[in-house]
Protein backbone atom coordinates (compact mmCIF):
# COMPACT_ATOMS: atom_id res chain seq x y z
CA MET A 1 -65.85 -21.50 -0.34
CA GLU A 2 -63.02 -19.35 1.03
CA THR A 3 -60.86 -17.84 -1.73
CA SER A 4 -58.74 -15.41 0.25
CA GLN A 5 -54.98 -15.68 0.17
CA ALA A 6 -54.97 -16.49 3.88
CA ALA A 7 -57.41 -19.35 3.31
CA ARG A 8 -55.14 -20.79 0.60
CA GLY A 9 -52.20 -20.74 3.03
CA ARG A 10 -50.55 -17.56 1.73
CA ALA A 11 -50.26 -14.27 3.57
CA PRO A 12 -52.25 -11.35 2.12
CA ALA A 13 -50.26 -8.97 -0.06
CA ASP A 14 -50.51 -6.27 2.61
CA ALA A 15 -49.67 -8.54 5.56
CA PRO A 16 -46.97 -7.24 7.93
CA LEU A 17 -43.43 -8.43 7.34
CA GLU A 18 -40.96 -9.51 9.98
CA THR A 19 -37.18 -9.68 9.83
CA ASP A 20 -34.02 -9.48 11.90
CA TYR A 21 -32.39 -6.79 9.76
CA LEU A 22 -34.16 -4.36 7.45
CA VAL A 23 -31.51 -3.10 4.99
CA VAL A 24 -32.51 0.07 3.15
CA GLY A 25 -30.45 0.28 -0.03
CA ALA A 26 -29.07 -2.50 -2.23
CA GLY A 27 -26.17 -0.50 -3.57
CA ALA A 28 -22.57 -1.60 -3.20
CA MET A 29 -22.34 -1.00 0.56
CA GLY A 30 -25.68 -2.64 1.32
CA MET A 31 -24.70 -5.71 -0.70
CA ALA A 32 -21.28 -5.95 0.98
CA PHE A 33 -22.87 -5.67 4.44
CA VAL A 34 -25.46 -8.39 3.84
CA ASP A 35 -22.90 -10.71 2.26
CA SER A 36 -20.72 -10.51 5.35
CA LEU A 37 -23.70 -10.72 7.71
CA LEU A 38 -24.88 -13.98 6.12
CA SER A 39 -21.44 -15.49 6.75
CA GLU A 40 -21.13 -14.25 10.33
CA GLN A 41 -24.73 -14.81 11.51
CA PRO A 42 -25.90 -18.16 10.10
CA GLU A 43 -29.47 -17.72 11.37
CA ALA A 44 -30.08 -14.04 10.60
CA GLN A 45 -33.01 -13.10 8.38
CA VAL A 46 -32.69 -10.03 6.14
CA LEU A 47 -35.17 -7.90 4.24
CA MET A 48 -33.59 -5.66 1.57
CA VAL A 49 -35.47 -2.80 -0.09
CA ASP A 50 -34.30 -0.45 -2.81
CA ARG A 51 -35.81 2.03 -5.25
CA GLN A 52 -33.89 0.47 -8.15
CA HIS A 53 -35.08 -2.53 -10.16
CA ARG A 54 -31.87 -4.43 -9.48
CA PRO A 55 -28.96 -4.31 -7.04
CA GLY A 56 -26.05 -1.97 -7.63
CA GLY A 57 -27.30 1.45 -6.57
CA HIS A 58 -25.77 4.31 -8.58
CA TRP A 59 -24.04 1.85 -10.93
CA ASN A 60 -27.45 1.45 -12.58
CA HIS A 61 -27.15 5.05 -13.84
CA ALA A 62 -23.43 5.30 -14.60
CA TYR A 63 -22.09 6.31 -18.00
CA PRO A 64 -21.58 3.41 -20.45
CA TRP A 65 -17.76 3.28 -20.41
CA VAL A 66 -17.34 3.72 -16.67
CA ARG A 67 -14.81 1.53 -14.89
CA LEU A 68 -13.64 1.20 -11.36
CA HIS A 69 -10.73 3.45 -10.46
CA GLN A 70 -9.15 0.59 -8.53
CA PRO A 71 -8.31 -3.05 -9.27
CA SER A 72 -11.26 -5.43 -9.13
CA ALA A 73 -9.36 -7.50 -6.55
CA TRP A 74 -10.88 -5.58 -3.64
CA TYR A 75 -14.25 -4.45 -4.91
CA GLY A 76 -17.63 -6.21 -4.75
CA VAL A 77 -18.62 -8.52 -1.92
CA ALA A 78 -16.24 -10.56 0.20
CA SER A 79 -17.58 -13.99 -0.74
CA ARG A 80 -17.21 -13.66 -4.51
CA GLU A 81 -14.40 -12.49 -6.76
CA LEU A 82 -15.19 -9.68 -9.17
CA GLY A 83 -13.94 -10.07 -12.72
CA SER A 84 -10.61 -11.52 -13.78
CA VAL A 85 -7.13 -11.10 -12.36
CA ASP A 86 -5.68 -10.19 -15.75
CA LYS A 87 -3.64 -7.11 -16.51
CA ASP A 88 -4.51 -4.62 -19.23
CA THR A 89 -2.16 -4.81 -22.19
CA LEU A 90 -3.52 -1.84 -24.13
CA GLY A 91 -4.64 1.68 -23.35
CA LEU A 92 -3.80 4.11 -20.57
CA ASN A 93 -4.02 1.41 -17.86
CA ALA A 94 -1.61 -0.93 -19.65
CA GLY A 95 0.57 -2.98 -17.34
CA LEU A 96 -1.81 -2.65 -14.38
CA TYR A 97 -4.55 -4.98 -13.22
CA ARG A 98 -7.92 -4.70 -14.94
CA MET A 99 -10.62 -2.53 -13.47
CA ALA A 100 -14.12 -3.93 -13.86
CA THR A 101 -16.55 -2.16 -16.18
CA GLY A 102 -19.84 -0.83 -14.91
CA THR A 103 -21.61 -3.74 -16.62
CA GLU A 104 -19.34 -6.22 -14.83
CA VAL A 105 -20.03 -4.54 -11.49
CA LEU A 106 -23.80 -4.74 -12.01
CA THR A 107 -23.52 -8.36 -13.12
CA HIS A 108 -21.51 -9.14 -10.00
CA PHE A 109 -24.16 -7.73 -7.68
CA GLU A 110 -27.00 -9.36 -9.63
CA GLN A 111 -25.29 -12.75 -9.39
CA VAL A 112 -24.69 -12.30 -5.67
CA MET A 113 -28.39 -11.58 -5.20
CA GLN A 114 -29.64 -14.41 -7.42
CA GLN A 115 -27.03 -17.05 -6.65
CA ARG A 116 -26.21 -16.39 -2.98
CA PHE A 117 -28.71 -14.19 -1.17
CA LEU A 118 -32.05 -15.49 -2.44
CA PRO A 119 -31.16 -19.21 -2.56
CA SER A 120 -30.09 -18.99 1.08
CA GLY A 121 -33.74 -18.59 2.05
CA ARG A 122 -32.64 -15.93 4.53
CA VAL A 123 -32.88 -12.82 2.32
CA ARG A 124 -36.07 -11.29 0.99
CA TRP A 125 -35.56 -8.72 -1.76
CA LEU A 126 -38.06 -5.97 -2.57
CA PRO A 127 -36.89 -3.92 -5.58
CA MET A 128 -38.75 -0.84 -6.79
CA THR A 129 -39.70 -0.17 -3.18
CA ASP A 130 -39.44 2.85 -0.89
CA TYR A 131 -38.78 2.74 2.82
CA GLN A 132 -40.80 5.06 5.08
CA ARG A 133 -40.56 5.69 8.80
CA GLY A 134 -43.77 6.68 10.54
CA ALA A 135 -43.97 9.35 13.22
CA ASP A 136 -44.57 6.57 15.73
CA GLY A 137 -41.42 4.73 14.63
CA THR A 138 -43.25 2.22 12.43
CA HIS A 139 -41.25 0.79 9.55
CA ARG A 140 -43.14 0.74 6.24
CA VAL A 141 -42.24 -0.33 2.71
CA VAL A 142 -44.16 0.89 -0.32
CA SER A 143 -43.94 -0.67 -3.78
CA HIS A 144 -43.53 1.66 -6.78
CA VAL A 145 -45.35 -0.83 -9.02
CA GLY A 146 -48.25 -2.25 -7.04
CA SER A 147 -48.50 0.64 -4.54
CA GLN A 148 -48.81 -1.87 -1.71
CA ALA A 149 -47.76 -0.50 1.66
CA ARG A 150 -46.67 -2.97 4.31
CA THR A 151 -45.40 -2.56 7.83
CA VAL A 152 -42.21 -4.31 8.91
CA ARG A 153 -41.39 -5.55 12.38
CA VAL A 154 -37.61 -5.37 12.82
CA ARG A 155 -36.33 -7.71 15.52
CA ARG A 156 -32.76 -6.37 15.59
CA ARG A 157 -31.72 -3.39 13.49
CA LEU A 158 -32.55 -1.08 10.64
CA VAL A 159 -29.47 -0.83 8.40
CA ASP A 160 -29.22 2.45 6.50
CA ALA A 161 -27.13 1.80 3.39
CA THR A 162 -28.02 5.14 1.80
CA GLN A 163 -25.92 7.50 3.93
CA LEU A 164 -23.29 8.21 1.24
CA ARG A 165 -25.99 9.34 -1.24
CA PRO A 166 -23.95 9.21 -4.45
CA GLU A 167 -24.99 11.51 -7.29
CA VAL A 168 -24.44 10.87 -10.99
CA PRO A 169 -25.08 13.31 -13.89
CA SER A 170 -27.86 11.22 -15.44
CA THR A 171 -30.05 11.52 -12.33
CA HIS A 172 -29.03 14.95 -11.02
CA PRO A 173 -29.44 17.83 -13.50
CA PRO A 174 -26.88 20.63 -13.59
CA ARG A 175 -27.10 23.38 -11.00
CA TYR A 176 -26.11 26.02 -13.56
CA ALA A 177 -28.48 27.80 -15.94
CA ARG A 178 -28.56 26.94 -19.64
CA SER A 179 -29.99 29.21 -22.30
CA PRO A 180 -32.32 27.73 -24.93
CA GLY A 181 -30.42 26.27 -27.85
CA VAL A 182 -27.30 25.41 -25.84
CA SER A 183 -26.19 21.82 -26.45
CA CYS A 184 -25.63 20.44 -22.96
CA ILE A 185 -25.84 16.73 -22.15
CA PRO A 186 -25.11 14.49 -19.16
CA VAL A 187 -21.91 12.55 -19.66
CA ASN A 188 -23.95 9.37 -20.23
CA GLU A 189 -25.17 10.69 -23.59
CA LEU A 190 -21.71 11.35 -24.95
CA VAL A 191 -21.65 7.95 -26.67
CA SER A 192 -24.83 8.74 -28.61
CA THR A 193 -24.14 12.25 -29.91
CA PRO A 194 -25.46 12.42 -33.49
CA ARG A 195 -22.59 14.46 -34.94
CA ALA A 196 -19.17 15.91 -34.30
CA TYR A 197 -18.86 19.37 -32.73
CA ALA A 198 -16.24 22.02 -33.30
CA ARG A 199 -15.54 22.21 -29.54
CA TYR A 200 -16.28 20.19 -26.41
CA THR A 201 -16.49 21.65 -22.92
CA VAL A 202 -16.28 19.29 -19.94
CA VAL A 203 -17.89 20.73 -16.81
CA GLY A 204 -16.51 19.22 -13.61
CA SER A 205 -13.10 18.29 -12.22
CA GLY A 206 -13.81 15.03 -10.38
CA LYS A 207 -13.47 11.43 -11.50
CA THR A 208 -16.32 11.80 -14.00
CA GLY A 209 -14.76 14.89 -15.56
CA ILE A 210 -11.43 13.07 -15.87
CA ASP A 211 -13.15 10.12 -17.53
CA ALA A 212 -14.98 12.40 -19.98
CA CYS A 213 -11.74 14.15 -21.00
CA LEU A 214 -9.95 10.83 -21.47
CA TRP A 215 -12.86 9.43 -23.50
CA LEU A 216 -12.77 12.41 -25.85
CA LEU A 217 -9.00 12.12 -26.31
CA GLU A 218 -9.17 8.37 -26.88
CA HIS A 219 -11.85 8.88 -29.54
CA GLY A 220 -9.83 11.25 -31.65
CA VAL A 221 -10.85 14.66 -30.36
CA ALA A 222 -7.82 16.94 -30.51
CA PRO A 223 -6.74 18.49 -27.19
CA ALA A 224 -7.19 21.96 -28.70
CA GLN A 225 -10.91 21.20 -29.20
CA ILE A 226 -11.46 20.54 -25.49
CA ARG A 227 -12.14 23.10 -22.80
CA TRP A 228 -12.15 21.83 -19.22
CA ILE A 229 -14.03 23.84 -16.59
CA MET A 230 -12.25 22.91 -13.38
CA PRO A 231 -13.77 24.52 -10.28
CA ARG A 232 -10.98 23.08 -8.11
CA ASP A 233 -7.73 21.25 -8.77
CA ALA A 234 -7.42 17.95 -6.94
CA TRP A 235 -4.67 15.85 -5.48
CA MET A 236 -4.75 12.44 -7.18
CA LEU A 237 -3.34 9.02 -6.39
CA ASP A 238 -1.00 7.05 -8.65
CA ARG A 239 -2.90 3.84 -9.41
CA ALA A 240 0.37 1.93 -9.74
CA ASN A 241 0.73 2.20 -5.96
CA TYR A 242 -2.46 0.19 -5.41
CA GLN A 243 -1.95 -3.08 -7.24
CA PRO A 244 -2.51 -6.65 -6.04
CA GLY A 245 -0.01 -9.42 -6.69
CA LEU A 246 3.16 -10.28 -4.84
CA GLU A 247 5.20 -8.66 -7.61
CA ASN A 248 3.85 -5.31 -6.39
CA PHE A 249 4.47 -5.93 -2.70
CA GLU A 250 7.58 -3.78 -2.34
CA ARG A 251 6.04 -0.83 -4.18
CA ASN A 252 2.76 -1.04 -2.25
CA MET A 253 4.43 -1.26 1.15
CA THR A 254 6.95 1.45 0.34
CA HIS A 255 4.02 3.65 -0.65
CA LEU A 256 2.37 3.03 2.73
CA ALA A 257 5.66 3.71 4.49
CA ASP A 258 6.01 6.99 2.57
CA GLN A 259 2.56 8.11 3.69
CA PHE A 260 3.08 7.23 7.34
CA GLY A 261 6.55 8.71 7.24
CA ALA A 262 5.18 11.98 5.90
CA ILE A 263 2.73 12.20 8.80
CA ALA A 264 5.27 11.15 11.41
CA GLU A 265 8.17 13.32 10.32
CA ALA A 266 6.87 16.40 8.48
CA GLY A 267 6.67 19.52 10.61
CA THR A 268 3.47 21.06 9.24
CA PRO A 269 0.43 19.98 7.18
CA ALA A 270 1.88 21.81 4.17
CA ALA A 271 5.14 19.90 4.60
CA VAL A 272 3.18 16.64 4.67
CA PHE A 273 1.75 17.28 1.21
CA ALA A 274 5.08 18.46 -0.18
CA ARG A 275 6.64 15.21 0.99
CA LEU A 276 3.77 13.12 -0.36
CA GLU A 277 4.18 14.70 -3.77
CA ALA A 278 7.96 14.26 -3.69
CA THR A 279 7.60 10.52 -3.01
CA GLY A 280 4.92 10.04 -5.68
CA ALA A 281 2.16 9.33 -3.17
CA LEU A 282 0.13 12.26 -4.54
CA LEU A 283 -0.07 13.72 -8.04
CA ARG A 284 -1.47 16.95 -9.45
CA LEU A 285 -2.53 18.01 -12.92
CA ASP A 286 -0.58 21.25 -13.07
CA PRO A 287 2.67 21.55 -11.07
CA THR A 288 2.08 25.31 -10.78
CA VAL A 289 -1.42 25.10 -9.27
CA GLU A 290 -1.88 24.10 -5.62
CA PRO A 291 -4.78 21.61 -5.34
CA THR A 292 -7.63 22.51 -3.00
CA MET A 293 -9.56 19.24 -3.36
CA TYR A 294 -8.90 15.61 -2.48
CA ARG A 295 -11.42 12.83 -3.32
CA CYS A 296 -9.34 9.59 -3.46
CA CYS A 297 -9.29 9.67 -7.27
CA THR A 298 -6.66 7.50 -8.97
CA VAL A 299 -4.93 7.97 -12.33
CA THR A 300 -2.07 6.32 -14.16
CA GLN A 301 0.97 8.26 -15.25
CA ASP A 302 -0.16 7.78 -18.88
CA GLU A 303 -3.61 9.18 -18.07
CA LEU A 304 -2.04 12.17 -16.36
CA THR A 305 0.17 12.80 -19.40
CA ALA A 306 -2.89 12.69 -21.65
CA LEU A 307 -4.87 15.06 -19.42
CA ARG A 308 -2.01 17.55 -19.47
CA THR A 309 -2.36 17.91 -23.25
CA ILE A 310 -5.60 19.83 -22.58
CA THR A 311 -4.40 23.41 -22.14
CA ASP A 312 -7.74 25.28 -22.14
CA VAL A 313 -8.40 24.68 -18.43
CA VAL A 314 -10.75 27.23 -16.84
CA ARG A 315 -10.09 27.88 -13.15
CA LEU A 316 -12.72 30.49 -12.30
CA GLY A 317 -14.77 28.48 -9.83
CA ARG A 318 -18.10 26.81 -10.51
CA LEU A 319 -20.05 27.37 -13.70
CA ARG A 320 -23.14 29.49 -13.06
CA ALA A 321 -24.69 29.91 -16.50
CA ILE A 322 -24.17 28.99 -20.15
CA GLU A 323 -25.41 31.79 -22.38
CA PRO A 324 -25.27 31.88 -26.18
CA THR A 325 -22.17 34.08 -26.25
CA ARG A 326 -20.59 33.73 -22.81
CA LEU A 327 -20.06 31.57 -19.76
CA GLU A 328 -20.66 32.98 -16.28
CA LEU A 329 -18.57 31.54 -13.44
CA ASP A 330 -17.97 32.31 -9.77
CA ARG A 331 -14.95 34.51 -10.44
CA GLY A 332 -15.58 35.93 -13.86
CA SER A 333 -16.84 35.23 -17.34
CA LEU A 334 -15.41 34.26 -20.71
CA PRO A 335 -16.68 34.06 -24.27
CA ALA A 336 -18.57 30.98 -25.36
CA VAL A 337 -17.34 29.24 -28.50
CA ALA A 338 -19.81 28.51 -31.27
CA ASP A 339 -20.81 24.91 -31.99
CA THR A 340 -19.77 23.63 -28.56
CA LEU A 341 -21.13 20.53 -26.89
CA TYR A 342 -21.20 20.96 -23.10
CA ILE A 343 -20.72 17.70 -21.20
CA ASP A 344 -22.07 17.83 -17.66
CA CYS A 345 -19.92 16.02 -15.08
CA SER A 346 -20.81 18.29 -12.18
CA ALA A 347 -22.85 15.94 -9.98
CA ALA A 348 -21.50 15.73 -6.45
CA GLY A 349 -20.46 12.08 -6.60
CA ILE A 350 -20.36 10.98 -2.96
CA LYS A 351 -21.54 13.70 -0.61
CA PRO A 352 -19.97 14.40 2.80
CA MET A 353 -21.13 11.90 5.39
CA PRO A 354 -23.51 12.94 8.16
CA ARG A 355 -22.00 13.11 11.63
CA LEU A 356 -23.54 9.96 13.02
CA PRO A 357 -22.18 6.93 14.83
CA VAL A 358 -22.09 3.67 12.92
CA PHE A 359 -23.95 1.80 15.66
CA ASP A 360 -26.81 4.01 16.72
CA GLY A 361 -29.31 2.19 18.94
CA GLU A 362 -31.82 0.42 16.73
CA ARG A 363 -30.03 1.65 13.60
CA ILE A 364 -26.75 0.85 11.85
CA ASN A 365 -25.42 3.61 9.59
CA LEU A 366 -23.13 2.22 6.90
CA LEU A 367 -20.27 4.72 6.87
CA LEU A 368 -16.58 4.46 6.07
CA VAL A 369 -14.32 3.01 8.77
CA ARG A 370 -11.16 3.00 6.64
CA VAL A 371 -9.77 5.60 4.30
CA CYS A 372 -11.64 5.54 0.95
CA GLN A 373 -12.79 1.90 1.20
CA PRO A 374 -16.60 1.82 1.46
CA LEU A 375 -17.22 -1.86 0.62
CA PHE A 376 -14.55 -3.14 2.99
CA SER A 377 -16.05 -0.83 5.62
CA ALA A 378 -19.55 -2.27 5.16
CA ALA A 379 -18.29 -5.84 5.39
CA LEU A 380 -16.29 -5.08 8.54
CA ILE A 381 -19.28 -3.37 10.17
CA ALA A 382 -21.27 -6.58 9.63
CA TYR A 383 -18.52 -8.59 11.32
CA VAL A 384 -18.39 -6.22 14.30
CA GLU A 385 -22.18 -6.27 14.61
CA SER A 386 -22.06 -10.06 14.75
CA HIS A 387 -19.13 -10.64 17.11
CA VAL A 388 -18.71 -7.61 19.41
CA ASP A 389 -21.08 -6.92 22.30
CA GLY A 390 -22.44 -3.47 23.04
CA ASP A 391 -22.59 -0.39 20.84
CA ALA A 392 -19.96 1.45 22.86
CA ALA A 393 -17.42 -1.30 22.12
CA ARG A 394 -18.57 -1.54 18.50
CA ASN A 395 -18.25 2.20 17.91
CA ALA A 396 -14.79 2.19 19.50
CA MET A 397 -13.76 -0.10 16.64
CA CYS A 398 -15.71 1.75 13.98
CA ALA A 399 -15.15 5.49 14.26
CA ALA A 400 -16.64 6.99 11.10
CA VAL A 401 -13.97 8.12 8.63
CA PRO A 402 -15.20 11.14 6.61
CA ILE A 403 -15.51 11.32 2.87
CA PRO A 404 -12.62 13.59 1.86
CA GLU A 405 -13.26 16.98 0.34
CA VAL A 406 -10.20 19.16 0.96
CA PRO A 407 -6.53 18.15 1.28
CA ARG A 408 -6.55 18.41 5.08
CA ASP A 409 -9.10 15.57 5.09
CA TRP A 410 -6.28 13.26 3.99
CA ILE A 411 -4.73 13.68 7.45
CA VAL A 412 -8.09 13.40 9.24
CA MET A 413 -8.92 10.18 7.41
CA TRP A 414 -5.62 8.60 8.32
CA ALA A 415 -5.97 9.70 11.94
CA LEU A 416 -9.28 7.86 12.29
CA THR A 417 -8.20 4.91 10.16
CA LEU A 418 -5.09 4.36 12.27
CA ALA A 419 -7.14 4.60 15.47
CA ASN A 420 -9.62 2.03 14.14
CA THR A 421 -6.82 -0.25 12.98
CA ALA A 422 -5.27 -0.22 16.45
CA GLN A 423 -8.62 -1.32 17.89
CA TRP A 424 -9.01 -4.12 15.35
CA ALA A 425 -5.60 -5.53 16.24
CA GLN A 426 -6.80 -6.14 19.80
CA HIS A 427 -9.65 -8.44 18.71
CA GLU A 428 -8.39 -11.91 17.83
CA GLY A 429 -11.38 -12.93 15.74
CA LEU A 430 -11.45 -9.68 13.78
CA SER A 431 -7.70 -9.93 13.18
CA ALA A 432 -8.19 -13.37 11.64
CA TRP A 433 -11.10 -12.09 9.54
CA LEU A 434 -8.95 -9.23 8.26
CA ARG A 435 -6.19 -11.60 7.18
CA ASN A 436 -8.63 -13.56 5.03
CA CYS A 437 -11.04 -10.92 3.72
CA ARG A 438 -10.55 -10.31 0.00
CA LEU A 439 -11.89 -6.76 0.38
CA ASN A 440 -9.03 -5.93 2.76
CA SER A 441 -6.51 -4.38 0.37
CA ASN A 442 -3.71 -4.67 2.94
CA ALA A 443 -4.21 -8.43 3.18
CA VAL A 444 -4.46 -8.81 -0.61
CA MET A 445 -1.22 -6.87 -1.05
CA ALA A 446 0.57 -9.12 1.46
CA ARG A 447 -0.91 -12.39 0.21
CA GLY A 448 1.85 -14.90 -0.54
CA VAL A 449 4.42 -13.54 1.91
CA THR A 450 5.83 -16.62 3.68
CA PRO A 451 7.14 -16.86 7.27
CA ASP A 452 10.70 -17.27 5.99
CA ASP A 453 10.61 -14.21 3.69
CA GLN A 454 12.67 -12.00 5.97
CA PRO A 455 13.07 -8.95 3.67
CA ARG A 456 9.31 -8.64 3.15
CA LEU A 457 8.54 -9.30 6.79
CA ALA A 458 11.02 -6.58 7.71
CA LEU A 459 9.25 -4.15 5.36
CA LEU A 460 5.90 -5.01 6.98
CA ALA A 461 7.43 -4.36 10.39
CA GLN A 462 8.76 -1.00 9.16
CA VAL A 463 5.30 -0.02 7.89
CA SER A 464 3.73 -1.03 11.20
CA ALA A 465 6.24 1.01 13.20
CA LEU A 466 5.73 4.08 11.02
CA ALA A 467 1.96 3.69 11.33
CA GLN A 468 2.27 3.87 15.12
CA GLN A 469 4.48 6.95 14.87
CA ALA A 470 2.02 8.56 12.47
CA GLY A 471 -0.89 7.86 14.81
CA ALA A 472 0.97 9.55 17.65
CA ARG A 473 1.86 12.57 15.50
CA VAL A 474 -1.56 13.23 13.95
CA PRO A 475 -3.14 15.21 16.83
CA ALA A 476 -0.33 17.78 16.72
CA LEU A 477 -0.65 18.17 12.94
CA LEU A 478 -4.41 18.65 13.12
CA ALA A 479 -3.99 21.31 15.79
CA MET A 480 -1.99 23.41 13.31
CA PRO A 481 -3.58 25.72 10.73
CA SER A 482 -3.76 24.35 7.20
């Protein structure tokens, strides 16, 4: 009697797989891409692989109190709302729309997988699995658990959803040395510290460092007990300028007009940033320190006020070593304080993107195509893949917008975003998709504006005109020194 799997009508565990799209990475961008692809290509088959045990990518390793830094209205996948549309009534985000917690984000992606992707019969999901590319171009997937290795025949494209390579402190140890006996923890462990410390030192000036400082302040640590090692000051965005709801329409559109006006009318890059700060489009921690970093981080005015109560801010570059009696940094050293808990927030977050096209022969690289909006970008790339013929035409619509690092990148990002937007406007189907996509913040902000609402239509027309002027002005600005 035959007892093999094949004889019983099932493929052997190591049998080759076949799919239209092999998506490597089930983080936020991979999920947003597949969600859009399922809507735009009703017959497409997808195989998703990821090293994690569930969808969500780096959210699986985020610190317990993490939240989005933007309203939930335009995060997640396009087909499913994320969280509620309520406003916070307490805390430093009071009066603004809620930002989903890390747990809510993971639940969202898990529900999308279990309630939309898998029931469709068109998505196969292999968690705890590595992707490997053979020297001969063969696609292979290898399970972490069963160690099975299987080849995959890809009929259309490999989709690389790992290009942004986010880092979080719990998975990437500090790059600075730590002497034995020094109490240094990743930010994730802050909620489980066994005792109070005399002092707390937050290492890192990005979003995670901001969140760590705010958590300490909100939990009763006095500002004088906190030292903040800030390798670089950053320009920040006022979260109040990025709120859904028709009641915020005028503020949102005026904010866009201010940004485009700064590009179109300021004489130099430095003048652009001076104007952006004057209009409230950009914020800084210390009015006397010129920021040298920009990473699309948002804060509220109340959060900024709280952060400014921390006066022991160390601006000597990156931390190199924590010794029992001193700290060594790029540009000097200073005494260490006894009984200090060091909180590591120094992971790179999202790294600079590789210089690759989005549509690259047999591969799709999921990169940003609009300023600081990765999930919208992934969903739009899926639409373009499905409805535009030829990679040259697709790439003309999807020039990769870099992850920002320095202030000048703000201008570069807008240059490419405006060029992409002009291309999208020429495609009737994509224009309709943009009007209805919930991940498109511009559409969400304008939702509810009626054809007879002349004042708001006039403001939209003003923003559009300034955007065209900004697009024409950008090359001259970028040709100037910073």
